[in-house]
């Protein structure tokens, strides 16, 4: 038996026998007929953690491999949590799932996907009124800078959007700048000019930039939101203030940031930075009930206590409550208990881990096909405004939409979008697109930073890596050969370029990616589409706006192409006859 085998093969028979016996006893306890007599997952973890051994630490890895919880730095907390989740899902990776890994698709019409649907904002009405009052009292200042700060996922951007769209500023010219970790004054200035003129701006020098902004700011009242600021250099703050202060018009500047110290440094002397506090447990529970359709359930009394316990795990963060609430919709009471007791809550003890745990729980409940669609969104940079149907056609082009006898690809894609919106993995964008990416009637999405971090971590082995597993590339130079950035270009399935408006597209930037299915050139300067485009025989999605010359006839050789976007290419009089 197993005891004899341990005695004859192990260097530490007593210790290992004790551990195995503990596991057997715990497993038998888990099979109790009465559910209330079974231990929870948390209790099982406690039992295993209390298992004492005298095996030297250098030998432990060979005996009892386990994750190290709460010992990692904040910088790689998400990496550890995602890796542990993948281990518990039997090594799931971002490859095509098999049919057996899929759940039954929910009925398409179950949930509303219209962009006019607005989420009820819980617990932030008072904060909005306080900030509007502060701004009203300081409106006589030529420029007022009011930072809003708080932990990630707490609702800073949502609150800024409420103020941005408030009637109090209906006579203001409004500009929204997304910054994140990349602080680039030239990029910020050009973004403001693009939004104020509806024309792409790529002014290269500070002097020309300031001159243009001074003219545009003249005699205007302007509301500017600087969203997700991370920069800590006081000199850069000063340069930003100088740039925003150009012109004679009055300015109201709202800054969102996670850093309280940064907020105090950039704040105007006349006001105090506004700290956004976490929600109360009751408010988190209200969000969960709203998202989970709690009022429509017959087992409310049974779920009330479990739900409130789940709400306490949200850490007062609205994003966590929204994600969990949607996931709980339609789940049984046993499922609710499993969520409450999930091992994922114990994967880290760092500050803010609750929201990451809630996002991981929601991700773990996705079908394998939905996981592909979600993680692919990491190919867009943080803060990017995603056009709904561009995203859907990219999913279809890459084969991420499971075939069905009942629903077509578009219906299934709409369902996936609905699920991601419900979990807050996608959010409706209240910011309009400007310049060449402008969509008059399109539905627009954004991703929260923390959600984007999760998608990027999941896709980390396939996005912008040097190895042969790299399948997706987001590059910032379309004037050079793809082979300078990617070691195995033939393996690339999707390629897009970012901030390349000042560079003319060259054919070698994509021609070596022979298996390309998605090519997005929307942020490139395209004088003429290179002839080598005809070599991409597997290309199914091509977005190439503002082409200045006629498109080559070789585009007719793209037999697999089913999405072509040439918006703004006014010089194109007609498409090739045989396309």
Protein backbone atom coordinates (compact mmCIF):
# COMPACT_ATOMS: atom_id res chain seq x y z
CA UNK A 1 0.00 0.00 0.00
CA UNK A 2 0.98 3.67 -0.11
CA UNK A 3 2.50 3.66 3.41
CA UNK A 4 4.84 0.81 2.55
CA UNK A 5 5.84 2.50 -0.69
CA UNK A 6 6.70 5.72 1.16
CA UNK A 7 8.72 3.76 3.75
CA UNK A 8 10.79 2.08 1.06
CA UNK A 9 11.30 5.07 -1.24
CA UNK A 10 11.24 8.25 0.86
CA UNK A 11 13.99 9.95 2.82
CA UNK A 12 11.32 11.41 5.13
CA UNK A 13 8.69 8.64 5.51
CA UNK A 14 6.99 9.90 8.70
CA UNK A 15 6.54 13.46 7.41
CA UNK A 16 5.28 12.42 4.00
CA UNK A 17 2.95 9.77 5.46
CA UNK A 18 1.46 12.44 7.73
CA UNK A 19 0.85 14.75 4.78
CA UNK A 20 -0.76 12.05 2.65
CA UNK A 21 -2.99 10.93 5.54
CA UNK A 22 -4.09 14.54 6.10
CA UNK A 23 -5.03 14.83 2.43
CA UNK A 24 -7.00 11.57 2.53
CA UNK A 25 -8.87 12.58 5.69
CA UNK A 26 -9.69 15.99 4.24
CA UNK A 27 -10.89 14.47 0.97
CA UNK A 28 -13.19 12.07 2.84
CA UNK A 29 -14.52 15.01 4.86
CA UNK A 30 -15.33 16.80 1.60
CA UNK A 31 -17.55 13.87 0.57
CA UNK A 32 -19.92 14.13 3.55
CA UNK A 33 -23.55 13.60 2.38
CA UNK A 34 -24.70 16.74 4.25
CA UNK A 35 -23.34 19.84 2.55
CA UNK A 36 -23.21 21.79 5.81
CA UNK A 37 -20.81 19.19 7.22
CA UNK A 38 -18.31 19.63 4.40
CA UNK A 39 -15.38 22.03 4.80
CA UNK A 40 -15.23 25.16 2.65
CA UNK A 41 -12.34 25.70 0.25
CA UNK A 42 -10.87 28.22 2.68
CA UNK A 43 -11.01 25.62 5.47
CA UNK A 44 -9.34 23.03 3.26
CA UNK A 45 -6.54 25.49 2.51
CA UNK A 46 -6.13 26.18 6.22
CA UNK A 47 -5.88 22.44 6.98
CA UNK A 48 -3.23 21.95 4.32
CA UNK A 49 -1.31 25.05 5.38
CA UNK A 50 -1.19 23.74 8.97
CA UNK A 51 0.35 20.47 7.89
CA UNK A 52 3.68 20.43 9.72
CA UNK A 53 6.81 18.83 8.31
CA UNK A 54 10.45 18.70 9.26
CA UNK A 55 11.62 18.25 5.70
CA UNK A 56 14.47 20.68 4.93
CA UNK A 57 13.28 23.62 2.81
CA UNK A 58 15.62 22.71 -0.04
CA UNK A 59 13.74 19.44 -0.37
CA UNK A 60 10.22 20.86 -0.18
CA UNK A 61 9.90 21.67 -3.86
CA UNK A 62 10.24 17.97 -4.71
CA UNK A 63 7.70 16.93 -2.11
CA UNK A 64 4.90 19.47 -1.96
CA UNK A 65 4.94 22.15 -4.67
CA UNK A 66 2.57 25.00 -3.86
CA UNK A 67 2.13 28.70 -4.69
CA UNK A 68 3.73 31.34 -2.48
CA UNK A 69 0.92 33.61 -1.39
CA UNK A 70 1.34 37.20 -0.26
CA UNK A 71 5.13 37.18 -0.63
CA UNK A 72 5.39 38.83 -4.02
CA UNK A 73 5.83 42.53 -4.69
CA UNK A 74 2.94 44.58 -6.06
CA UNK A 75 4.68 44.84 -9.44
CA UNK A 76 4.22 41.17 -10.27
CA UNK A 77 1.17 40.38 -8.14
CA UNK A 78 -1.05 40.05 -11.22
CA UNK A 79 1.49 37.81 -12.94
CA UNK A 80 1.52 35.45 -9.95
CA UNK A 81 -2.28 35.37 -9.69
CA UNK A 82 -2.79 34.69 -13.41
CA UNK A 83 -0.13 31.95 -13.38
CA UNK A 84 -1.75 30.27 -10.39
CA UNK A 85 -5.19 30.49 -12.02
CA UNK A 86 -3.83 28.91 -15.19
CA UNK A 87 -2.23 26.11 -13.14
CA UNK A 88 -5.57 25.38 -11.52
CA UNK A 89 -7.22 25.32 -14.94
CA UNK A 90 -4.89 22.49 -16.00
CA UNK A 91 -2.52 24.68 -17.94
CA UNK A 92 -5.05 26.49 -20.11
CA UNK A 93 -3.30 28.59 -22.72
CA UNK A 94 -4.57 31.02 -25.32
CA UNK A 95 -4.92 28.51 -28.13
CA UNK A 96 -8.04 27.47 -29.97
CA UNK A 97 -10.44 25.64 -27.65
CA UNK A 98 -12.11 22.40 -28.52
CA UNK A 99 -15.88 22.07 -28.67
CA UNK A 100 -15.89 20.23 -25.36
CA UNK A 101 -14.52 23.28 -23.58
CA UNK A 102 -17.49 25.45 -24.47
CA UNK A 103 -20.65 26.18 -22.62
CA UNK A 104 -24.01 26.56 -24.24
CA UNK A 105 -24.32 30.07 -25.63
CA UNK A 106 -26.91 32.13 -23.78
CA UNK A 107 -29.86 33.37 -25.75
CA UNK A 108 -28.74 36.40 -27.73
CA UNK A 109 -31.62 38.65 -26.76
CA UNK A 110 -31.18 38.15 -23.01
CA UNK A 111 -29.43 41.45 -22.39
CA UNK A 112 -29.54 44.91 -23.90
CA UNK A 113 -26.44 46.01 -25.80
CA UNK A 114 -27.53 49.47 -26.93
CA UNK A 115 -25.07 52.27 -26.28
CA UNK A 116 -27.89 54.40 -24.86
CA UNK A 117 -28.19 52.13 -21.83
CA UNK A 118 -26.60 53.86 -18.82
CA UNK A 119 -25.50 52.08 -15.67
CA UNK A 120 -26.88 53.48 -12.46
CA UNK A 121 -23.93 55.00 -10.62
CA UNK A 122 -24.06 53.81 -7.02
CA UNK A 123 -22.66 55.92 -4.18
CA UNK A 124 -21.11 58.74 -6.25
CA UNK A 125 -23.91 61.32 -6.51
CA UNK A 126 -22.69 63.18 -3.43
CA UNK A 127 -19.09 63.23 -4.67
CA UNK A 128 -20.16 64.62 -8.03
CA UNK A 129 -22.10 67.47 -6.41
CA UNK A 130 -19.20 68.29 -4.08
CA UNK A 131 -16.75 68.55 -6.98
CA UNK A 132 -19.15 70.65 -9.07
CA UNK A 133 -19.54 72.95 -6.09
CA UNK A 134 -15.76 73.27 -5.65
CA UNK A 135 -15.34 74.11 -9.34
CA UNK A 136 -18.20 76.65 -9.25
CA UNK A 137 -16.59 78.49 -6.35
CA UNK A 138 -13.28 78.69 -8.20
CA UNK A 139 -14.66 79.49 -11.64
CA UNK A 140 -13.26 83.03 -11.56
CA UNK A 141 -9.69 81.69 -11.66
CA UNK A 142 -8.00 81.79 -15.08
CA UNK A 143 -6.99 78.14 -14.64
CA UNK A 144 -8.10 75.75 -11.91
CA UNK A 145 -6.57 72.27 -11.55
CA UNK A 146 -8.51 69.81 -9.38
CA UNK A 147 -7.08 66.29 -8.99
CA UNK A 148 -9.29 63.32 -8.06
CA UNK A 149 -7.26 60.51 -6.51
CA UNK A 150 -7.89 57.01 -5.15
CA UNK A 151 -7.02 53.34 -5.68
CA UNK A 152 -7.45 51.61 -9.04
CA UNK A 153 -10.99 50.58 -9.97
CA UNK A 154 -12.61 52.90 -7.44
CA UNK A 155 -14.40 55.03 -10.06
CA UNK A 156 -12.19 58.09 -10.66
CA UNK A 157 -12.67 58.05 -14.42
CA UNK A 158 -16.42 57.41 -14.10
CA UNK A 159 -16.73 60.39 -11.76
CA UNK A 160 -14.69 62.54 -14.15
CA UNK A 161 -16.99 61.50 -16.99
CA UNK A 162 -20.05 62.53 -14.98
CA UNK A 163 -18.54 65.99 -14.48
CA UNK A 164 -17.32 66.14 -18.10
CA UNK A 165 -20.89 65.59 -19.35
CA UNK A 166 -22.64 67.75 -16.75
CA UNK A 167 -24.83 70.63 -18.03
CA UNK A 168 -22.76 73.01 -15.90
CA UNK A 169 -20.10 72.79 -18.64
CA UNK A 170 -22.37 72.70 -21.69
CA UNK A 171 -20.95 76.03 -22.95
CA UNK A 172 -17.35 74.86 -22.53
CA UNK A 173 -15.15 73.33 -25.19
CA UNK A 174 -14.35 69.91 -23.74
CA UNK A 175 -11.18 67.87 -24.21
CA UNK A 176 -10.30 64.43 -22.79
CA UNK A 177 -6.66 63.34 -22.59
CA UNK A 178 -5.70 59.81 -21.57
CA UNK A 179 -2.12 59.71 -20.24
CA UNK A 180 -1.33 56.54 -18.18
CA UNK A 181 2.34 55.63 -17.57
CA UNK A 182 3.57 57.15 -20.83
CA UNK A 183 3.84 60.89 -20.19
CA UNK A 184 4.57 62.63 -23.51
CA UNK A 185 3.91 66.37 -23.66
CA UNK A 186 4.13 66.45 -27.44
CA UNK A 187 1.55 63.67 -27.69
CA UNK A 188 -0.74 65.42 -25.17
CA UNK A 189 -0.54 68.71 -27.09
CA UNK A 190 -1.26 67.06 -30.44
CA UNK A 191 -4.17 65.17 -28.89
CA UNK A 192 -5.72 68.47 -27.73
CA UNK A 193 -5.27 70.01 -31.20
CA UNK A 194 -6.78 66.94 -32.88
CA UNK A 195 -9.85 67.12 -30.64
CA UNK A 196 -10.32 70.87 -31.12
CA UNK A 197 -9.90 70.81 -34.93
CA UNK A 198 -11.13 67.29 -35.85
CA UNK A 199 -7.95 66.92 -37.91
CA UNK A 200 -4.99 64.68 -37.09
CA UNK A 201 -2.16 66.76 -35.64
CA UNK A 202 1.49 65.65 -35.71
CA UNK A 203 3.28 68.91 -34.89
CA UNK A 204 6.87 67.93 -34.04
CA UNK A 205 8.25 70.94 -32.16
CA UNK A 206 7.33 72.55 -28.84
CA UNK A 207 7.34 76.07 -30.30
CA UNK A 208 4.92 75.26 -33.11
CA UNK A 209 2.76 73.25 -30.73
CA UNK A 210 2.46 76.11 -28.24
CA UNK A 211 1.67 78.61 -30.99
CA UNK A 212 -1.16 76.45 -32.32
CA UNK A 213 -2.58 75.83 -28.83
CA UNK A 214 -2.44 79.52 -27.97
CA UNK A 215 -4.53 80.32 -31.04
CA UNK A 216 -7.03 77.54 -30.32
CA UNK A 217 -7.34 78.46 -26.62
CA UNK A 218 -7.91 82.17 -27.34
CA UNK A 219 -11.17 83.47 -25.79
CA UNK A 220 -12.51 79.95 -25.17
CA UNK A 221 -13.72 78.44 -21.91
CA UNK A 222 -12.21 74.95 -21.89
CA UNK A 223 -12.76 71.89 -19.70
CA UNK A 224 -9.87 69.41 -19.87
CA UNK A 225 -9.77 65.98 -18.23
CA UNK A 226 -6.25 64.57 -17.81
CA UNK A 227 -7.07 60.95 -17.10
CA UNK A 228 -4.82 58.46 -15.27
CA UNK A 229 -1.74 60.59 -14.62
CA UNK A 230 1.34 58.79 -13.25
CA UNK A 231 4.24 61.16 -13.97
CA UNK A 232 6.12 62.19 -10.80
CA UNK A 233 8.70 64.67 -12.17
CA UNK A 234 7.82 68.23 -10.95
CA UNK A 235 9.50 69.73 -14.03
CA UNK A 236 7.15 67.81 -16.29
CA UNK A 237 4.17 69.01 -14.19
CA UNK A 238 5.32 72.60 -14.70
CA UNK A 239 5.62 72.11 -18.46
CA UNK A 240 2.12 70.62 -18.57
CA UNK A 241 0.69 73.55 -16.59
CA UNK A 242 2.39 76.03 -18.93
CA UNK A 243 0.99 74.29 -21.99
CA UNK A 244 -2.55 74.10 -20.59
CA UNK A 245 -2.35 77.73 -19.46
CA UNK A 246 -1.71 79.12 -22.95
CA UNK A 247 -4.22 81.57 -24.46
CA UNK A 248 -6.62 84.02 -22.87
CA UNK A 249 -9.56 81.72 -22.21
CA UNK A 250 -10.41 80.22 -18.80
CA UNK A 251 -9.50 76.58 -18.10
CA UNK A 252 -10.96 73.97 -15.78
CA UNK A 253 -8.55 71.01 -15.50
CA UNK A 254 -9.61 67.76 -13.82
CA UNK A 255 -6.80 65.24 -13.20
CA UNK A 256 -7.38 61.62 -12.18
CA UNK A 257 -4.54 59.71 -10.52
CA UNK A 258 -3.90 56.91 -8.04
CA UNK A 259 -1.13 58.88 -6.32
CA UNK A 260 -2.17 61.23 -3.51
CA UNK A 261 1.28 62.83 -3.37
CA UNK A 262 1.17 63.57 -7.09
CA UNK A 263 -2.34 65.04 -6.67
CA UNK A 264 -1.11 67.48 -4.03
CA UNK A 265 1.84 68.58 -6.18
CA UNK A 266 -0.20 69.45 -9.27
CA UNK A 267 -3.27 70.89 -7.50
CA UNK A 268 -4.12 74.60 -7.75
CA UNK A 269 -3.47 76.56 -4.52
CA UNK A 270 -7.14 77.59 -4.30
CA UNK A 271 -8.46 74.03 -3.94
CA UNK A 272 -7.65 70.75 -2.18
CA UNK A 273 -7.22 67.45 -4.05
CA UNK A 274 -10.36 65.33 -3.84
CA UNK A 275 -9.82 61.85 -2.40
CA UNK A 276 -12.37 59.33 -3.64
CA UNK A 277 -13.12 56.93 -0.83
CA UNK A 278 -14.05 53.27 -1.18
CA UNK A 279 -17.72 52.29 -1.18
CA UNK A 280 -19.44 50.90 1.88
CA UNK A 281 -20.29 47.19 1.95
CA UNK A 282 -24.00 48.06 1.55
CA UNK A 283 -23.21 50.02 -1.61
CA UNK A 284 -21.15 47.14 -3.04
CA UNK A 285 -23.99 44.77 -2.22
CA UNK A 286 -26.44 47.11 -4.02
CA UNK A 287 -24.24 46.99 -7.15
CA UNK A 288 -24.00 43.19 -6.95
CA UNK A 289 -27.78 42.84 -6.58
CA UNK A 290 -28.35 45.17 -9.51
CA UNK A 291 -25.96 43.26 -11.77
CA UNK A 292 -27.09 39.81 -10.56
CA UNK A 293 -30.80 40.56 -11.11
CA UNK A 294 -31.29 39.73 -7.44
CA UNK A 295 -34.85 41.10 -7.27
CA UNK A 296 -35.99 38.56 -9.84
CA UNK A 297 -34.85 35.55 -7.79
CA UNK A 298 -37.00 33.30 -5.63
CA UNK A 299 -34.14 32.34 -3.28
CA UNK A 300 -33.32 35.87 -2.07
CA UNK A 301 -33.45 34.97 1.61
CA UNK A 302 -30.96 32.14 1.11
CA UNK A 303 -28.59 34.32 -0.94
CA UNK A 304 -28.71 37.52 1.15
CA UNK A 305 -26.09 36.46 3.70
CA UNK A 306 -23.79 34.86 1.11
CA UNK A 307 -24.09 37.93 -1.12
CA UNK A 308 -23.18 40.32 1.68
CA UNK A 309 -20.11 38.20 2.48
CA UNK A 310 -19.08 38.42 -1.18
CA UNK A 311 -19.65 42.20 -1.05
CA UNK A 312 -17.16 42.48 1.82
CA UNK A 313 -14.52 40.91 -0.43
CA UNK A 314 -14.87 43.74 -3.00
CA UNK A 315 -12.69 46.05 -0.94
CA UNK A 316 -15.12 48.90 -1.56
CA UNK A 317 -14.20 48.94 -5.26
CA UNK A 318 -17.12 49.40 -7.73
CA UNK A 319 -15.31 47.59 -10.57
CA UNK A 320 -15.00 44.47 -8.40
CA UNK A 321 -18.69 44.59 -7.42
CA UNK A 322 -19.81 45.06 -11.03
CA UNK A 323 -17.72 42.17 -12.31
CA UNK A 324 -18.82 39.80 -9.52
CA UNK A 325 -22.47 40.80 -9.76
CA UNK A 326 -22.73 39.97 -13.43
CA UNK A 327 -20.93 36.66 -12.92
CA UNK A 328 -23.37 35.69 -10.15
CA UNK A 329 -26.39 36.32 -12.38
CA UNK A 330 -28.11 32.98 -12.95
CA UNK A 331 -25.82 31.03 -10.61
CA UNK A 332 -27.21 28.64 -8.00
CA UNK A 333 -26.76 29.19 -4.27
CA UNK A 334 -24.03 26.53 -4.29
CA UNK A 335 -22.26 28.54 -6.99
CA UNK A 336 -22.53 31.68 -4.87
CA UNK A 337 -20.90 29.82 -1.99
CA UNK A 338 -18.13 28.62 -4.29
CA UNK A 339 -17.44 32.20 -5.34
CA UNK A 340 -17.37 33.32 -1.71
CA UNK A 341 -14.96 30.52 -0.75
CA UNK A 342 -12.79 30.56 -3.89
CA UNK A 343 -9.05 30.03 -3.44
CA UNK A 344 -8.49 33.03 -5.72
CA UNK A 345 -9.20 35.41 -2.84
CA UNK A 346 -6.15 33.98 -1.05
CA UNK A 347 -3.67 34.33 -3.90
CA UNK A 348 -2.45 37.68 -2.62
CA UNK A 349 -2.70 39.91 0.43
CA UNK A 350 -1.37 43.08 -1.24
CA UNK A 351 -3.39 46.31 -1.24
CA UNK A 352 -5.95 46.34 -4.03
CA UNK A 353 -5.83 42.56 -4.55
CA UNK A 354 -9.62 42.32 -4.13
CA UNK A 355 -10.37 43.89 -7.50
CA UNK A 356 -7.79 41.69 -9.26
CA UNK A 357 -9.25 38.61 -7.56
CA UNK A 358 -12.77 39.55 -8.66
CA UNK A 359 -11.62 40.06 -12.25
CA UNK A 360 -9.82 36.70 -12.20
CA UNK A 361 -12.94 35.00 -10.84
CA UNK A 362 -15.01 36.46 -13.67
CA UNK A 363 -12.37 35.47 -16.21
CA UNK A 364 -12.25 31.91 -14.86
CA UNK A 365 -16.00 31.56 -15.48
CA UNK A 366 -15.78 32.56 -19.16
CA UNK A 367 -16.14 30.02 -21.94
CA UNK A 368 -12.87 29.24 -23.71
CA UNK A 369 -14.01 31.16 -26.81
CA UNK A 370 -14.91 34.24 -24.79
CA UNK A 371 -11.48 34.07 -23.11
CA UNK A 372 -9.89 34.30 -26.56
CA UNK A 373 -12.02 37.31 -27.50
CA UNK A 374 -11.30 39.10 -24.23
CA UNK A 375 -7.55 38.52 -24.05
CA UNK A 376 -7.15 39.62 -27.68
CA UNK A 377 -8.21 43.13 -26.59
CA UNK A 378 -4.69 43.51 -25.12
CA UNK A 379 -3.56 44.30 -28.68
CA UNK A 380 -5.09 47.76 -28.23
CA UNK A 381 -3.03 50.22 -26.15
CA UNK A 382 -4.35 51.40 -22.78
CA UNK A 383 -7.00 54.09 -23.10
CA UNK A 384 -7.71 53.21 -26.74
CA UNK A 385 -11.23 53.80 -28.00
CA UNK A 386 -12.35 50.55 -29.61
CA UNK A 387 -14.88 50.63 -32.44
CA UNK A 388 -17.37 47.85 -31.80
CA UNK A 389 -17.68 46.40 -35.30
CA UNK A 390 -13.96 46.70 -35.99
CA UNK A 391 -13.40 44.52 -32.92
CA UNK A 392 -16.07 42.02 -33.91
CA UNK A 393 -14.72 41.61 -37.45
CA UNK A 394 -11.23 41.08 -36.04
CA UNK A 395 -12.57 38.32 -33.78
CA UNK A 396 -14.24 36.70 -36.78
CA UNK A 397 -11.14 37.08 -38.96
CA UNK A 398 -9.03 35.32 -36.33
CA UNK A 399 -11.50 32.44 -35.92
CA UNK A 400 -12.42 33.32 -32.32
CA UNK A 401 -16.16 32.96 -32.85
CA UNK A 402 -17.38 29.39 -32.40
CA UNK A 403 -19.57 28.11 -35.20
CA UNK A 404 -23.17 27.36 -34.31
CA UNK A 405 -26.10 25.75 -36.08
CA UNK A 406 -28.48 28.25 -34.49
CA UNK A 407 -26.69 31.62 -34.46
CA UNK A 408 -24.51 33.26 -37.11
CA UNK A 409 -21.11 34.81 -36.41
CA UNK A 410 -22.50 38.30 -35.88
CA UNK A 411 -25.13 37.15 -33.38
CA UNK A 412 -22.54 35.18 -31.42
CA UNK A 413 -20.16 38.16 -31.47
CA UNK A 414 -22.90 40.44 -30.16
CA UNK A 415 -23.46 37.98 -27.35
CA UNK A 416 -19.76 38.00 -26.44
CA UNK A 417 -19.78 41.81 -26.43
CA UNK A 418 -22.82 41.77 -24.14
CA UNK A 419 -21.10 39.45 -21.69
CA UNK A 420 -17.91 41.52 -21.61
CA UNK A 421 -19.94 44.69 -21.04
CA UNK A 422 -21.89 42.99 -18.28
CA UNK A 423 -18.70 42.02 -16.47
CA UNK A 424 -17.28 45.56 -17.03
CA UNK A 425 -14.44 44.03 -19.03
CA UNK A 426 -15.57 46.41 -21.78
CA UNK A 427 -17.19 49.77 -21.03
CA UNK A 428 -19.06 52.19 -23.24
CA UNK A 429 -16.88 55.16 -24.14
CA UNK A 430 -18.36 58.60 -23.60
CA UNK A 431 -15.46 60.16 -25.50
CA UNK A 432 -15.94 60.68 -29.26
CA UNK A 433 -13.36 59.55 -31.77
CA UNK A 434 -11.51 62.31 -33.56
CA UNK A 435 -9.67 62.62 -36.86
CA UNK A 436 -9.15 59.63 -39.10
CA UNK A 437 -10.62 57.18 -36.59
CA UNK A 438 -13.86 59.13 -36.35
CA UNK A 439 -17.05 57.06 -36.50
CA UNK A 440 -20.31 58.96 -36.85
CA UNK A 441 -22.67 56.19 -35.87
CA UNK A 442 -20.39 53.55 -34.34
CA UNK A 443 -20.62 52.13 -30.83
CA UNK A 444 -17.39 52.78 -28.96
CA UNK A 445 -15.78 50.90 -26.07
CA UNK A 446 -12.88 51.36 -23.68
CA UNK A 447 -11.19 49.02 -21.19
CA UNK A 448 -10.40 49.87 -17.59
CA UNK A 449 -6.67 49.92 -16.89
CA UNK A 450 -6.86 46.99 -14.48
CA UNK A 451 -8.89 44.95 -16.97
CA UNK A 452 -6.35 45.77 -19.68
CA UNK A 453 -3.55 44.66 -17.34
CA UNK A 454 -5.32 41.32 -16.91
CA UNK A 455 -5.80 40.83 -20.66
CA UNK A 456 -2.17 41.76 -21.33
CA UNK A 457 -0.90 39.34 -18.69
CA UNK A 458 -3.00 36.50 -20.12
CA UNK A 459 -1.73 37.24 -23.64
CA UNK A 460 1.83 38.00 -22.54
CA UNK A 461 3.36 34.94 -24.20
CA UNK A 462 1.78 35.81 -27.58
CA UNK A 463 1.91 39.62 -27.79
CA UNK A 464 5.08 41.53 -28.78
CA UNK A 465 7.45 38.76 -27.72
CA UNK A 466 10.63 37.73 -29.45
CA UNK A 467 9.88 34.01 -29.45
CA UNK A 468 8.15 31.79 -31.96
CA UNK A 469 4.90 31.84 -29.93
CA UNK A 470 4.30 35.50 -30.78
CA UNK A 471 1.02 35.78 -32.68
CA UNK A 472 0.03 39.43 -32.23
CA UNK A 473 2.06 42.63 -32.61
CA UNK A 474 1.41 46.25 -31.64
CA UNK A 475 4.22 48.38 -33.10
CA UNK A 476 5.12 52.07 -33.15
CA UNK A 477 7.07 52.25 -36.40
CA UNK A 478 5.51 51.48 -39.80
CA UNK A 479 8.47 52.81 -41.80
CA UNK A 480 10.81 49.89 -41.07
CA UNK A 481 10.89 46.17 -41.74
CA UNK A 482 8.77 43.97 -39.48
CA UNK A 483 11.75 41.66 -39.10
CA UNK A 484 13.49 44.31 -36.98
CA UNK A 485 10.82 43.90 -34.30
CA UNK A 486 9.62 40.31 -34.65
CA UNK A 487 11.87 37.25 -34.93
CA UNK A 488 9.23 35.00 -36.51
CA UNK A 489 7.05 37.27 -38.69
CA UNK A 490 5.46 34.31 -40.48
CA UNK A 491 3.75 33.39 -37.19
CA UNK A 492 2.01 36.75 -36.75
CA UNK A 493 -1.79 36.62 -37.09
CA UNK A 494 -2.71 40.21 -36.20
CA UNK A 495 -0.67 43.38 -36.66
CA UNK A 496 -1.53 46.98 -35.81
CA UNK A 497 0.48 50.17 -35.57
CA UNK A 498 0.23 52.92 -32.95
CA UNK A 499 1.05 56.64 -33.25
CA UNK A 500 2.58 56.36 -36.72
CA UNK A 501 0.82 59.37 -38.28
CA UNK A 502 4.16 61.07 -38.94
CA UNK A 503 5.66 58.04 -40.71
CA UNK A 504 4.94 56.90 -44.24
CA UNK A 505 3.98 53.24 -44.47
CA UNK A 506 6.44 50.93 -46.22
CA UNK A 507 5.61 47.48 -47.55
CA UNK A 508 8.28 45.68 -45.53
CA UNK A 509 6.47 46.73 -42.36
CA UNK A 510 4.03 43.84 -42.95
CA UNK A 511 5.00 41.90 -46.10
CA UNK A 512 6.94 39.17 -44.25
CA UNK A 513 3.86 38.26 -42.17
CA UNK A 514 2.55 35.82 -44.75
CA UNK A 515 -0.07 34.29 -42.43
CA UNK A 516 -1.56 37.62 -41.37
CA UNK A 517 -5.34 37.59 -40.83
CA UNK A 518 -5.76 41.11 -39.37
CA UNK A 519 -3.91 44.25 -40.52
CA UNK A 520 -4.84 47.60 -38.97
CA UNK A 521 -3.11 50.61 -40.56
CA UNK A 522 -5.47 53.22 -39.13
CA UNK A 523 -2.68 55.13 -37.33
CA UNK A 524 -0.26 55.16 -40.26
CA UNK A 525 0.34 57.79 -42.94
CA UNK A 526 -0.60 55.99 -46.15
CA UNK A 527 0.30 57.79 -49.35
CA UNK A 528 -0.12 54.63 -51.40
CA UNK A 529 -0.98 51.09 -50.35
CA UNK A 530 2.09 48.94 -51.23
CA UNK A 531 1.69 46.30 -53.95
CA UNK A 532 2.97 43.62 -51.60
CA UNK A 533 -0.42 43.72 -49.86
CA UNK A 534 -1.47 41.18 -52.50
CA UNK A 535 0.93 38.60 -51.00
CA UNK A 536 -1.10 38.31 -47.79
CA UNK A 537 -3.26 35.46 -49.03
CA UNK A 538 -4.82 34.77 -45.61
CA UNK A 539 -5.74 38.40 -44.87
CA UNK A 540 -9.37 38.71 -43.80
CA UNK A 541 -9.44 42.14 -42.13
CA UNK A 542 -7.85 45.32 -43.54
CA UNK A 543 -8.32 48.78 -42.11
CA UNK A 544 -6.48 51.45 -44.10
CA UNK A 545 -8.12 54.90 -43.87
CA UNK A 546 -7.08 58.13 -45.61
CA UNK A 547 -5.20 56.57 -48.53
CA UNK A 548 -4.11 59.42 -50.78
CA UNK A 549 -3.77 57.53 -54.09
CA UNK A 550 -5.71 54.80 -55.86
CA UNK A 551 -5.45 51.35 -54.32
CA UNK A 552 -3.46 48.74 -56.29
CA UNK A 553 -5.22 46.10 -58.38
CA UNK A 554 -3.37 43.38 -56.47
CA UNK A 555 -5.88 43.84 -53.64
CA UNK A 556 -8.20 41.68 -55.75
CA UNK A 557 -5.87 38.76 -54.99
CA UNK A 558 -6.96 38.78 -51.33
CA UNK A 559 -9.53 36.04 -51.76
CA UNK A 560 -10.11 35.64 -48.00
CA UNK A 561 -10.74 39.35 -47.34
CA UNK A 562 -14.18 39.94 -45.81
CA UNK A 563 -13.69 43.33 -44.09
CA UNK A 564 -12.21 46.37 -45.84
CA UNK A 565 -12.28 49.84 -44.26
CA UNK A 566 -10.99 52.72 -46.42
CA UNK A 567 -12.78 55.51 -44.56
CA UNK A 568 -11.62 58.99 -45.51
CA UNK A 569 -9.81 57.89 -48.70
CA UNK A 570 -11.34 60.66 -50.80
CA UNK A 571 -8.96 60.19 -53.74
CA UNK A 572 -10.23 56.67 -54.43
CA UNK A 573 -12.82 57.07 -57.16
CA UNK A 574 -13.65 53.36 -57.49
CA UNK A 575 -12.54 49.94 -56.31
CA UNK A 576 -10.94 47.50 -58.74
CA UNK A 577 -13.66 45.85 -60.83
CA UNK A 578 -12.88 42.28 -59.79
CA UNK A 579 -12.69 42.88 -56.03
